[in-house]
Amino acid sequence: MTSRTLSLGALALAALASGAAMAQTAPMDGAKPAMEKCYGVSMAGKNDCAAGPGTTCAGTSKMDYQGNAWKHVPAGSCASIKTPKGMGSLMPTKA
């Protein structure tokens, strides 16, 4: 075998191995990943729902990082989301 053939074979094997690794991280049954409400992380007008008094629902927050407006985020990630007003919260905040 030539070195070119060996290189192509190694490249194909690496591509198959990385594809198999990526396939293992996707849900097998098509289920959606678990999500949670995260307050204080949405931009103005980009909240998923519940933006407090004077608002109706999705897309009604009045300011960036409004403390009583939430977005759905992957479960377990809310408290690690950093904003200019602090970290995301699982409960509404005053900010």
N, C-alpha and C. Protein backbone atom coordinates (compact mmCIF):
# COMPACT_ATOMS: atom_id res chain seq x y z
N MET A 1 0.83 -1.18 0.00
CA MET A 1 0.00 0.00 0.00
C MET A 1 0.88 1.24 0.00
N THR A 2 0.40 2.24 -0.66
CA THR A 2 1.16 3.48 -0.70
C THR A 2 0.81 4.33 0.51
N SER A 3 1.64 5.30 0.77
CA SER A 3 1.37 6.18 1.91
C SER A 3 0.11 7.00 1.68
N ARG A 4 -0.21 7.28 0.43
CA ARG A 4 -1.43 8.03 0.13
C ARG A 4 -2.66 7.19 0.49
N THR A 5 -2.66 5.93 0.16
CA THR A 5 -3.77 5.05 0.48
C THR A 5 -3.94 4.91 1.98
N LEU A 6 -2.81 4.76 2.69
CA LEU A 6 -2.85 4.66 4.14
C LEU A 6 -3.39 5.95 4.77
N SER A 7 -2.99 7.09 4.25
CA SER A 7 -3.46 8.38 4.77
C SER A 7 -4.96 8.53 4.56
N LEU A 8 -5.45 8.17 3.38
CA LEU A 8 -6.88 8.26 3.10
C LEU A 8 -7.67 7.31 4.00
N GLY A 9 -7.13 6.13 4.22
CA GLY A 9 -7.79 5.17 5.10
C GLY A 9 -7.86 5.69 6.54
N ALA A 10 -6.77 6.28 7.01
CA ALA A 10 -6.74 6.83 8.36
C ALA A 10 -7.71 8.00 8.49
N LEU A 11 -7.79 8.83 7.46
CA LEU A 11 -8.72 9.95 7.47
C LEU A 11 -10.16 9.47 7.50
N ALA A 12 -10.49 8.46 6.72
CA ALA A 12 -11.84 7.91 6.70
C ALA A 12 -12.19 7.29 8.05
N LEU A 13 -11.26 6.59 8.65
CA LEU A 13 -11.49 5.99 9.97
C LEU A 13 -11.72 7.06 11.03
N ALA A 14 -10.96 8.13 10.98
CA ALA A 14 -11.13 9.23 11.94
C ALA A 14 -12.50 9.89 11.76
N ALA A 15 -12.94 10.06 10.53
CA ALA A 15 -14.25 10.67 10.26
C ALA A 15 -15.37 9.77 10.79
N LEU A 16 -15.25 8.48 10.59
CA LEU A 16 -16.26 7.55 11.10
C LEU A 16 -16.30 7.54 12.62
N ALA A 17 -15.14 7.57 13.24
CA ALA A 17 -15.07 7.56 14.70
C ALA A 17 -15.67 8.84 15.28
N SER A 18 -15.40 9.99 14.69
CA SER A 18 -15.96 11.23 15.22
C SER A 18 -17.46 11.29 14.98
N GLY A 19 -17.92 10.76 13.87
CA GLY A 19 -19.36 10.71 13.61
C GLY A 19 -20.08 9.83 14.61
N ALA A 20 -19.48 8.72 14.96
CA ALA A 20 -20.08 7.83 15.95
C ALA A 20 -20.12 8.50 17.32
N ALA A 21 -19.09 9.23 17.67
CA ALA A 21 -19.06 9.93 18.96
C ALA A 21 -20.13 11.01 19.00
N MET A 22 -20.33 11.74 17.91
CA MET A 22 -21.35 12.78 17.88
C MET A 22 -22.75 12.18 17.94
N ALA A 23 -22.95 11.04 17.33
CA ALA A 23 -24.26 10.40 17.33
C ALA A 23 -24.66 9.95 18.72
N GLN A 24 -23.70 9.64 19.57
CA GLN A 24 -24.01 9.19 20.92
C GLN A 24 -24.52 10.31 21.80
N THR A 25 -24.22 11.57 21.46
CA THR A 25 -24.68 12.69 22.29
C THR A 25 -26.09 13.12 21.94
N ALA A 26 -26.61 12.74 20.80
CA ALA A 26 -27.97 13.11 20.40
C ALA A 26 -28.98 12.18 21.06
N PRO A 27 -30.15 12.69 21.39
CA PRO A 27 -31.18 11.82 21.97
C PRO A 27 -31.54 10.71 20.99
N MET A 28 -31.62 9.49 21.48
CA MET A 28 -31.88 8.34 20.62
C MET A 28 -33.34 8.24 20.21
N ASP A 29 -34.26 8.68 21.05
CA ASP A 29 -35.67 8.51 20.74
C ASP A 29 -36.32 9.78 20.20
N GLY A 30 -35.54 10.79 19.86
CA GLY A 30 -36.07 12.03 19.34
C GLY A 30 -36.64 12.94 20.40
N ALA A 31 -36.45 12.61 21.67
CA ALA A 31 -36.97 13.41 22.76
C ALA A 31 -36.23 14.75 22.83
N LYS A 32 -36.94 15.79 23.23
CA LYS A 32 -36.32 17.09 23.39
C LYS A 32 -35.53 17.11 24.70
N PRO A 33 -34.42 17.86 24.74
CA PRO A 33 -33.66 17.94 25.98
C PRO A 33 -34.47 18.67 27.05
N ALA A 34 -34.22 18.36 28.31
CA ALA A 34 -34.92 19.00 29.41
C ALA A 34 -34.59 20.49 29.42
N MET A 35 -35.61 21.31 29.64
CA MET A 35 -35.45 22.76 29.66
C MET A 35 -35.96 23.31 30.98
N GLU A 36 -35.49 24.51 31.35
CA GLU A 36 -35.96 25.17 32.55
C GLU A 36 -36.14 26.66 32.26
N LYS A 37 -36.98 27.30 33.07
CA LYS A 37 -37.18 28.74 32.97
C LYS A 37 -36.00 29.44 33.63
N CYS A 38 -35.42 30.41 32.93
CA CYS A 38 -34.29 31.15 33.47
C CYS A 38 -34.63 32.64 33.40
N TYR A 39 -34.73 33.27 34.56
CA TYR A 39 -35.11 34.68 34.65
C TYR A 39 -33.90 35.59 34.53
N GLY A 40 -34.12 36.76 33.91
CA GLY A 40 -33.09 37.79 33.84
C GLY A 40 -32.05 37.60 32.77
N VAL A 41 -32.31 36.74 31.79
CA VAL A 41 -31.30 36.50 30.76
C VAL A 41 -31.76 36.90 29.35
N SER A 42 -33.02 37.27 29.20
CA SER A 42 -33.52 37.57 27.85
C SER A 42 -33.29 39.03 27.48
N MET A 43 -33.22 39.27 26.20
CA MET A 43 -33.10 40.63 25.68
C MET A 43 -34.51 41.21 25.55
N ALA A 44 -34.63 42.53 25.46
CA ALA A 44 -35.92 43.20 25.34
C ALA A 44 -36.70 42.62 24.17
N GLY A 45 -37.94 42.20 24.45
CA GLY A 45 -38.81 41.66 23.41
C GLY A 45 -38.48 40.25 22.98
N LYS A 46 -37.55 39.59 23.64
CA LYS A 46 -37.13 38.24 23.25
C LYS A 46 -37.43 37.20 24.33
N ASN A 47 -38.22 37.56 25.34
CA ASN A 47 -38.53 36.61 26.41
C ASN A 47 -39.52 35.56 25.91
N ASP A 48 -39.54 34.40 26.58
CA ASP A 48 -40.47 33.34 26.20
C ASP A 48 -41.85 33.58 26.77
N CYS A 49 -41.96 34.15 27.96
CA CYS A 49 -43.27 34.46 28.54
C CYS A 49 -43.09 35.11 29.90
N ALA A 50 -44.22 35.53 30.50
CA ALA A 50 -44.28 36.08 31.86
C ALA A 50 -43.27 37.19 32.12
N ALA A 51 -43.56 38.36 31.64
CA ALA A 51 -42.67 39.49 31.85
C ALA A 51 -43.21 40.47 32.86
N GLY A 52 -44.09 40.04 33.73
CA GLY A 52 -44.56 40.86 34.82
C GLY A 52 -45.73 41.76 34.47
N PRO A 53 -46.11 42.64 35.40
CA PRO A 53 -47.26 43.53 35.21
C PRO A 53 -47.10 44.40 33.97
N GLY A 54 -48.20 44.57 33.26
CA GLY A 54 -48.18 45.42 32.07
C GLY A 54 -47.74 44.71 30.81
N THR A 55 -47.45 43.42 30.91
CA THR A 55 -47.06 42.65 29.72
C THR A 55 -47.97 41.44 29.62
N THR A 56 -48.06 40.87 28.43
CA THR A 56 -48.95 39.74 28.24
C THR A 56 -48.22 38.42 28.25
N CYS A 57 -47.26 38.25 27.38
CA CYS A 57 -46.56 36.96 27.32
C CYS A 57 -45.29 37.08 26.49
N ALA A 58 -45.07 36.13 25.62
CA ALA A 58 -43.82 36.06 24.85
C ALA A 58 -43.56 37.35 24.08
N GLY A 59 -42.30 37.79 24.11
CA GLY A 59 -41.87 38.95 23.34
C GLY A 59 -42.32 40.28 23.91
N THR A 60 -42.70 40.34 25.18
CA THR A 60 -43.23 41.58 25.74
C THR A 60 -42.34 42.23 26.79
N SER A 61 -41.16 41.69 27.03
CA SER A 61 -40.29 42.32 28.02
C SER A 61 -39.87 43.70 27.50
N LYS A 62 -39.72 44.63 28.41
CA LYS A 62 -39.46 46.02 28.05
C LYS A 62 -37.98 46.38 28.00
N MET A 63 -37.14 45.60 28.68
CA MET A 63 -35.71 45.93 28.72
C MET A 63 -34.85 44.66 28.73
N ASP A 64 -33.60 44.82 28.35
CA ASP A 64 -32.66 43.71 28.38
C ASP A 64 -32.48 43.21 29.80
N TYR A 65 -32.40 41.91 29.97
CA TYR A 65 -32.13 41.24 31.24
C TYR A 65 -33.16 41.58 32.32
N GLN A 66 -34.41 41.79 31.91
CA GLN A 66 -35.49 42.10 32.85
C GLN A 66 -35.65 40.95 33.82
N GLY A 67 -35.64 41.23 35.11
CA GLY A 67 -35.62 40.21 36.15
C GLY A 67 -36.85 39.34 36.25
N ASN A 68 -37.99 39.81 35.74
CA ASN A 68 -39.21 39.01 35.83
C ASN A 68 -39.61 38.41 34.49
N ALA A 69 -38.72 38.45 33.52
CA ALA A 69 -38.95 37.83 32.21
C ALA A 69 -38.02 36.63 32.08
N TRP A 70 -38.53 35.54 31.49
CA TRP A 70 -37.70 34.34 31.41
C TRP A 70 -37.56 33.81 29.99
N LYS A 71 -36.55 33.00 29.80
CA LYS A 71 -36.28 32.25 28.56
C LYS A 71 -36.12 30.79 28.95
N HIS A 72 -36.50 29.90 28.05
CA HIS A 72 -36.20 28.48 28.26
C HIS A 72 -34.74 28.25 27.91
N VAL A 73 -34.02 27.58 28.80
CA VAL A 73 -32.62 27.23 28.59
C VAL A 73 -32.45 25.76 28.95
N PRO A 74 -31.40 25.10 28.47
CA PRO A 74 -31.17 23.70 28.85
C PRO A 74 -31.08 23.56 30.37
N ALA A 75 -31.73 22.53 30.89
CA ALA A 75 -31.76 22.29 32.34
C ALA A 75 -30.35 22.25 32.91
N GLY A 76 -30.18 22.95 34.04
CA GLY A 76 -28.89 22.97 34.72
C GLY A 76 -27.95 24.07 34.27
N SER A 77 -28.34 24.86 33.26
CA SER A 77 -27.43 25.89 32.75
C SER A 77 -27.77 27.30 33.21
N CYS A 78 -28.94 27.51 33.78
CA CYS A 78 -29.40 28.86 34.11
C CYS A 78 -28.44 29.61 35.02
N ALA A 79 -28.08 29.02 36.12
CA ALA A 79 -27.24 29.70 37.12
C ALA A 79 -25.85 30.03 36.61
N SER A 80 -25.44 29.44 35.49
CA SER A 80 -24.11 29.73 34.95
C SER A 80 -24.14 30.76 33.82
N ILE A 81 -25.32 31.29 33.49
CA ILE A 81 -25.43 32.30 32.44
C ILE A 81 -25.12 33.66 33.04
N LYS A 82 -24.05 34.28 32.55
CA LYS A 82 -23.60 35.57 33.07
C LYS A 82 -24.16 36.69 32.20
N THR A 83 -24.71 37.71 32.83
CA THR A 83 -25.23 38.89 32.12
C THR A 83 -24.60 40.13 32.75
N PRO A 84 -24.76 41.29 32.12
CA PRO A 84 -24.23 42.52 32.73
C PRO A 84 -24.89 42.84 34.07
N LYS A 85 -26.06 42.26 34.35
CA LYS A 85 -26.75 42.51 35.61
C LYS A 85 -26.57 41.37 36.62
N GLY A 86 -25.72 40.42 36.32
CA GLY A 86 -25.49 39.29 37.23
C GLY A 86 -25.75 37.98 36.53
N MET A 87 -26.01 36.94 37.32
CA MET A 87 -26.22 35.60 36.79
C MET A 87 -27.71 35.34 36.57
N GLY A 88 -28.02 34.35 35.72
CA GLY A 88 -29.39 33.94 35.51
C GLY A 88 -29.95 33.37 36.80
N SER A 89 -31.29 33.36 36.93
CA SER A 89 -31.92 32.90 38.15
C SER A 89 -33.12 32.01 37.84
N LEU A 90 -33.33 31.00 38.68
CA LEU A 90 -34.49 30.13 38.52
C LEU A 90 -35.77 30.77 39.07
N MET A 91 -35.62 31.87 39.79
CA MET A 91 -36.76 32.61 40.36
C MET A 91 -36.70 34.05 39.83
N PRO A 92 -37.85 34.72 39.71
CA PRO A 92 -37.84 36.12 39.27
C PRO A 92 -37.00 36.98 40.21
N THR A 93 -36.33 37.97 39.63
CA THR A 93 -35.50 38.89 40.42
C THR A 93 -36.04 40.31 40.26
N LYS A 94 -35.54 41.23 41.05
CA LYS A 94 -35.99 42.62 40.97
C LYS A 94 -35.24 43.41 39.92
N ALA A 95 -34.14 42.88 39.43
CA ALA A 95 -33.31 43.61 38.46
C ALA A 95 -33.93 43.64 37.09
